[in-house]
């Protein structure tokens, strides 16, 4: 069980940048994307300030974000690593199952993966990660080297959009 201020909240700076970008997307009518909150149950409260001091994650969340971009239903998860490889253990089974079901309903599922050591963010289609996890489950590599992501769509800060992933989504849609 993960606790607030635990490993479960890594990548929150990346998520904050995505949240700011999503606000601008909505303002400019490019998309309507919402952060899905992770349900928590408080177990210790600061009665003086009314703050939660300790809590645990009540249930597993699905993905970080869900919404619509120009009529396309999307869902995605934001992941971050300090390594020059992406550990597949950072993706949970319930996330894979949700994304699989989402794509069966003709939605577009993907990951935004930030390599902090390279200061690079990639838009990575769900199907790529799904294949890598299947290989890993059969005894294959447990992580993906940074070099393999260079074939994907790099996400840039552009025109005031800090994590302008719609450009990458558009390129992905044009190529599929």
Protein backbone atom coordinates (compact mmCIF):
# COMPACT_ATOMS: atom_id res chain seq x y z
CA UNK A 1 0.00 0.00 0.00
CA UNK A 2 1.51 3.33 -1.07
CA UNK A 3 1.36 6.34 1.21
CA UNK A 4 1.13 10.03 0.39
CA UNK A 5 4.64 11.42 -0.07
CA UNK A 6 5.79 7.98 -1.12
CA UNK A 7 7.27 6.60 -4.34
CA UNK A 8 3.75 6.73 -5.76
CA UNK A 9 3.95 10.48 -6.32
CA UNK A 10 7.11 10.60 -8.41
CA UNK A 11 6.80 12.66 -11.56
CA UNK A 12 4.55 15.27 -9.95
CA UNK A 13 6.56 18.13 -11.55
CA UNK A 14 5.94 16.57 -14.96
CA UNK A 15 2.25 16.22 -14.10
CA UNK A 16 2.09 19.87 -13.04
CA UNK A 17 3.53 20.92 -16.43
CA UNK A 18 0.99 18.70 -18.19
CA UNK A 19 -1.80 20.21 -16.07
CA UNK A 20 -0.73 23.72 -17.09
CA UNK A 21 -0.62 22.64 -20.71
CA UNK A 22 -4.09 21.11 -20.43
CA UNK A 23 -5.46 24.40 -19.08
CA UNK A 24 -4.10 26.18 -22.16
CA UNK A 25 -5.49 23.47 -24.45
CA UNK A 26 -8.92 24.07 -22.96
CA UNK A 27 -8.60 27.87 -23.16
CA UNK A 28 -7.71 27.62 -26.86
CA UNK A 29 -10.35 24.92 -27.50
CA UNK A 30 -7.75 22.38 -28.63
CA UNK A 31 -8.87 19.72 -26.18
CA UNK A 32 -10.49 18.92 -22.89
CA UNK A 33 -8.24 16.68 -20.84
CA UNK A 34 -8.69 15.99 -17.14
CA UNK A 35 -6.30 14.70 -14.50
CA UNK A 36 -7.78 11.63 -12.85
CA UNK A 37 -7.24 11.92 -9.09
CA UNK A 38 -5.99 8.91 -7.19
CA UNK A 39 -8.46 8.10 -4.41
CA UNK A 40 -6.86 8.41 -0.97
CA UNK A 41 -8.07 7.62 2.52
CA UNK A 42 -6.76 9.89 5.29
CA UNK A 43 -5.48 8.05 8.37
CA UNK A 44 -3.90 10.92 10.28
CA UNK A 45 -5.09 14.52 10.33
CA UNK A 46 -3.50 17.69 11.64
CA UNK A 47 -6.42 18.99 13.70
CA UNK A 48 -4.84 22.43 14.13
CA UNK A 49 -4.39 23.17 10.41
CA UNK A 50 -6.95 20.76 9.02
CA UNK A 51 -4.36 19.10 6.77
CA UNK A 52 -3.91 15.44 5.98
CA UNK A 53 -0.67 14.25 7.60
CA UNK A 54 -0.83 10.63 6.49
CA UNK A 55 -3.02 8.79 3.98
CA UNK A 56 -2.99 5.68 1.87
CA UNK A 57 -4.13 5.06 -1.68
CA UNK A 58 -7.59 3.57 -1.29
CA UNK A 59 -7.74 1.86 -4.66
CA UNK A 60 -5.71 1.63 -7.82
CA UNK A 61 -6.20 4.43 -10.27
CA UNK A 62 -6.50 3.77 -13.99
CA UNK A 63 -4.44 6.32 -15.89
CA UNK A 64 -3.30 9.85 -15.10
CA UNK A 65 -5.32 11.65 -17.78
CA UNK A 66 -8.40 11.15 -19.93
CA UNK A 67 -10.24 13.42 -22.34
CA UNK A 68 -10.93 14.53 -25.87
CA UNK A 69 -8.66 16.22 -28.40
CA UNK A 70 -10.42 17.51 -31.50
CA UNK A 71 -12.98 14.72 -31.20
CA UNK A 72 -10.49 11.93 -30.48
CA UNK A 73 -10.88 10.19 -27.11
CA UNK A 74 -7.48 9.92 -25.42
CA UNK A 75 -6.07 8.48 -22.23
CA UNK A 76 -2.48 8.57 -21.11
CA UNK A 77 -0.14 8.12 -18.23
CA UNK A 78 2.86 10.30 -17.41
CA UNK A 79 6.01 8.46 -16.38
CA UNK A 80 9.44 9.70 -15.41
CA UNK A 81 12.85 8.14 -14.96
CA UNK A 82 16.29 9.45 -14.01
CA UNK A 83 17.89 6.49 -15.77
CA UNK A 84 18.96 6.14 -19.42
CA UNK A 85 16.42 3.33 -19.67
CA UNK A 86 12.76 3.02 -18.79
CA UNK A 87 11.96 0.27 -16.24
CA UNK A 88 8.80 -1.58 -17.25
CA UNK A 89 7.97 -2.16 -13.59
CA UNK A 90 6.87 1.51 -13.57
CA UNK A 91 3.75 0.45 -15.48
CA UNK A 92 1.16 -1.53 -13.58
CA UNK A 93 -1.04 -4.35 -14.80
CA UNK A 94 -4.28 -2.46 -14.10
CA UNK A 95 -3.03 0.44 -16.26
CA UNK A 96 -2.30 -1.90 -19.16
CA UNK A 97 -5.73 -3.50 -18.85
CA UNK A 98 -7.47 -0.11 -18.79
CA UNK A 99 -5.55 1.14 -21.84
CA UNK A 100 -6.25 -2.09 -23.70
CA UNK A 101 -9.98 -1.72 -23.01
CA UNK A 102 -9.83 1.98 -23.94
CA UNK A 103 -8.34 1.19 -27.34
CA UNK A 104 -10.99 -1.51 -27.91
CA UNK A 105 -13.48 1.35 -27.66
CA UNK A 106 -11.55 3.18 -30.43
CA UNK A 107 -9.76 5.53 -28.05
CA UNK A 108 -6.10 6.45 -28.31
CA UNK A 109 -3.91 5.36 -25.39
CA UNK A 110 -0.32 6.48 -24.92
CA UNK A 111 2.41 7.34 -22.44
CA UNK A 112 4.36 10.54 -21.97
CA UNK A 113 7.75 9.36 -20.75
CA UNK A 114 10.22 11.89 -19.37
CA UNK A 115 13.90 11.03 -19.23
CA UNK A 116 15.00 13.64 -16.70
CA UNK A 117 18.72 12.92 -17.24
CA UNK A 118 18.25 13.88 -20.91
CA UNK A 119 15.54 16.49 -20.28
CA UNK A 120 13.50 14.78 -23.00
CA UNK A 121 9.85 13.76 -23.14
CA UNK A 122 8.53 11.21 -25.63
CA UNK A 123 5.00 10.45 -26.78
CA UNK A 124 4.94 6.63 -26.81
CA UNK A 125 1.97 4.69 -28.20
CA UNK A 126 0.42 2.16 -25.84
CA UNK A 127 0.94 -0.71 -28.32
CA UNK A 128 4.73 -0.30 -28.16
CA UNK A 129 4.76 -0.54 -24.36
CA UNK A 130 2.28 -3.42 -24.43
CA UNK A 131 4.62 -5.42 -26.72
CA UNK A 132 7.65 -4.68 -24.53
CA UNK A 133 5.79 -5.82 -21.41
CA UNK A 134 4.70 -9.04 -23.16
CA UNK A 135 8.35 -9.72 -24.09
CA UNK A 136 9.44 -8.96 -20.54
CA UNK A 137 6.86 -11.40 -19.16
CA UNK A 138 8.38 -14.09 -21.41
CA UNK A 139 11.84 -13.53 -19.94
CA UNK A 140 12.90 -10.59 -22.12
CA UNK A 141 14.41 -7.28 -21.00
CA UNK A 142 12.83 -5.61 -17.98
CA UNK A 143 13.53 -2.11 -19.27
CA UNK A 144 13.72 -0.19 -22.55
CA UNK A 145 16.95 1.67 -23.42
CA UNK A 146 16.67 5.42 -24.08
CA UNK A 147 17.90 4.90 -27.65
CA UNK A 148 14.74 2.95 -28.54
CA UNK A 149 12.60 5.97 -27.74
CA UNK A 150 14.36 8.16 -30.29
CA UNK A 151 12.14 6.60 -32.98
CA UNK A 152 9.08 8.09 -31.28
CA UNK A 153 7.65 11.56 -31.14
CA UNK A 154 9.57 13.98 -28.99
CA UNK A 155 7.39 16.43 -27.06
CA UNK A 156 8.55 20.03 -26.94
CA UNK A 157 7.77 23.26 -25.15
CA UNK A 158 6.15 25.28 -27.92
CA UNK A 159 4.19 28.52 -28.10
CA UNK A 160 3.64 28.62 -24.35
CA UNK A 161 2.52 24.99 -24.12
CA UNK A 162 5.04 23.52 -21.69
CA UNK A 163 4.43 19.87 -22.67
CA UNK A 164 2.88 20.29 -26.14
CA UNK A 165 1.90 16.67 -26.67
CA UNK A 166 -0.93 17.44 -29.12
CA UNK A 167 1.69 18.02 -31.84
CA UNK A 168 3.05 14.52 -31.21
CA UNK A 169 -0.47 13.08 -31.12
CA UNK A 170 -1.21 14.73 -34.46
CA UNK A 171 1.95 13.27 -36.05
CA UNK A 172 1.03 9.84 -34.64
CA UNK A 173 -2.48 10.06 -36.11
CA UNK A 174 -1.13 11.10 -39.52
CA UNK A 175 1.21 8.08 -39.60
CA UNK A 176 -1.33 5.47 -38.50
